[in-house]
Amino acid sequence: MNSNSQSANPPDTYSHRLADIVGTAIALLTLTLPILVIANYSSTSVGNNQQPITYNLKTSED
């Protein structure tokens, strides 16, 4: 065996770089998309869920 010889398959840096980019994009979407969705739905539903405060007052008849 000759330890100085190069391997038959050179390292494929393009596929590793592409995998890194795709992995980073998936990670960013995983972290930001839920926050954006929660912020979108919570901001629209906050105003709709509030009920007006009403008080029933008894009036005395004289």
C-alpha atoms as a PDB file:
ATOM      1  CA  MET A   1       0.000   0.000   0.000  1.00  0.00           C
ATOM      2  CA  ASN A   2       1.178   3.410  -0.871  1.00  0.00           C
ATOM      3  CA  SER A   3       0.065   6.039   1.633  1.00  0.00           C
ATOM      4  CA  ASN A   4       1.176   8.927  -0.566  1.00  0.00           C
ATOM      5  CA  SER A   5      -1.303   8.215  -3.365  1.00  0.00           C
ATOM      6  CA  GLN A   6      -4.461  10.279  -3.618  1.00  0.00           C
ATOM      7  CA  SER A   7      -7.833   8.637  -3.375  1.00  0.00           C
ATOM      8  CA  ALA A   8      -9.729   7.840  -6.546  1.00  0.00           C
ATOM      9  CA  ASN A   9     -12.629  10.128  -5.611  1.00  0.00           C
ATOM     10  CA  PRO A  10     -11.659  13.748  -4.903  1.00  0.00           C
ATOM     11  CA  PRO A  11     -13.703  15.471  -2.191  1.00  0.00           C
ATOM     12  CA  ASP A  12     -16.856  16.947  -3.633  1.00  0.00           C
ATOM     13  CA  THR A  13     -16.886  20.416  -2.116  1.00  0.00           C
ATOM     14  CA  TYR A  14     -19.815  21.636  -4.216  1.00  0.00           C
ATOM     15  CA  SER A  15     -22.282  19.150  -2.742  1.00  0.00           C
ATOM     16  CA  HIS A  16     -21.012  19.847   0.782  1.00  0.00           C
ATOM     17  CA  ARG A  17     -21.389  23.572   0.248  1.00  0.00           C
ATOM     18  CA  LEU A  18     -24.875  23.092  -1.188  1.00  0.00           C
ATOM     19  CA  ALA A  19     -25.820  20.894   1.767  1.00  0.00           C
ATOM     20  CA  ASP A  20     -24.559  23.585   4.152  1.00  0.00           C
ATOM     21  CA  ILE A  21     -26.615  26.275   2.412  1.00  0.00           C
ATOM     22  CA  VAL A  22     -29.771  24.146   2.337  1.00  0.00           C
ATOM     23  CA  GLY A  23     -29.282  23.152   5.979  1.00  0.00           C
ATOM     24  CA  THR A  24     -28.821  26.767   7.009  1.00  0.00           C
ATOM     25  CA  ALA A  25     -31.950  27.808   5.109  1.00  0.00           C
ATOM     26  CA  ILE A  26     -33.987  25.053   6.764  1.00  0.00           C
ATOM     27  CA  ALA A  27     -32.660  26.036  10.189  1.00  0.00           C
ATOM     28  CA  LEU A  28     -33.525  29.705   9.660  1.00  0.00           C
ATOM     29  CA  LEU A  29     -37.033  28.837   8.463  1.00  0.00           C
ATOM     30  CA  THR A  30     -37.527  26.511  11.415  1.00  0.00           C
ATOM     31  CA  LEU A  31     -36.559  29.255  13.844  1.00  0.00           C
ATOM     32  CA  THR A  32     -38.262  32.259  12.251  1.00  0.00           C
ATOM     33  CA  LEU A  33     -41.420  30.902  10.626  1.00  0.00           C
ATOM     34  CA  PRO A  34     -43.202  29.886  13.870  1.00  0.00           C
ATOM     35  CA  ILE A  35     -42.413  33.266  15.426  1.00  0.00           C
ATOM     36  CA  LEU A  36     -43.797  35.121  12.419  1.00  0.00           C
ATOM     37  CA  VAL A  37     -46.953  32.985  12.317  1.00  0.00           C
ATOM     38  CA  ILE A  38     -47.588  33.402  16.054  1.00  0.00           C
ATOM     39  CA  ALA A  39     -47.015  37.159  15.826  1.00  0.00           C
ATOM     40  CA  ASN A  40     -49.365  37.428  12.859  1.00  0.00           C
ATOM     41  CA  TYR A  41     -52.241  35.510  14.410  1.00  0.00           C
ATOM     42  CA  SER A  42     -51.856  36.909  17.907  1.00  0.00           C
ATOM     43  CA  SER A  43     -51.883  40.519  16.730  1.00  0.00           C
ATOM     44  CA  THR A  44     -55.135  40.052  14.775  1.00  0.00           C
ATOM     45  CA  SER A  45     -56.965  38.144  17.475  1.00  0.00           C
ATOM     46  CA  VAL A  46     -56.123  40.350  20.467  1.00  0.00           C
ATOM     47  CA  GLY A  47     -58.591  43.075  19.543  1.00  0.00           C
ATOM     48  CA  ASN A  48     -61.371  40.657  18.643  1.00  0.00           C
ATOM     49  CA  ASN A  49     -61.354  38.716  21.899  1.00  0.00           C
ATOM     50  CA  GLN A  50     -62.003  41.648  24.208  1.00  0.00           C
ATOM     51  CA  GLN A  51     -65.562  41.931  25.413  1.00  0.00           C
ATOM     52  CA  PRO A  52     -67.015  45.215  26.553  1.00  0.00           C
ATOM     53  CA  ILE A  53     -67.475  45.575  30.280  1.00  0.00           C
ATOM     54  CA  THR A  54     -71.093  46.054  31.230  1.00  0.00           C
ATOM     55  CA  TYR A  55     -72.546  46.605  34.661  1.00  0.00           C
ATOM     56  CA  ASN A  56     -76.122  45.933  35.629  1.00  0.00           C
ATOM     57  CA  LEU A  57     -77.263  48.543  38.119  1.00  0.00           C
ATOM     58  CA  LYS A  58     -80.423  48.128  40.108  1.00  0.00           C
ATOM     59  CA  THR A  59     -82.575  51.178  40.225  1.00  0.00           C
ATOM     60  CA  SER A  60     -84.757  51.676  43.228  1.00  0.00           C
ATOM     61  CA  GLU A  61     -88.332  52.672  42.647  1.00  0.00           C
ATOM     62  CA  ASP A  62     -89.683  55.336  44.959  1.00  0.00           C
END
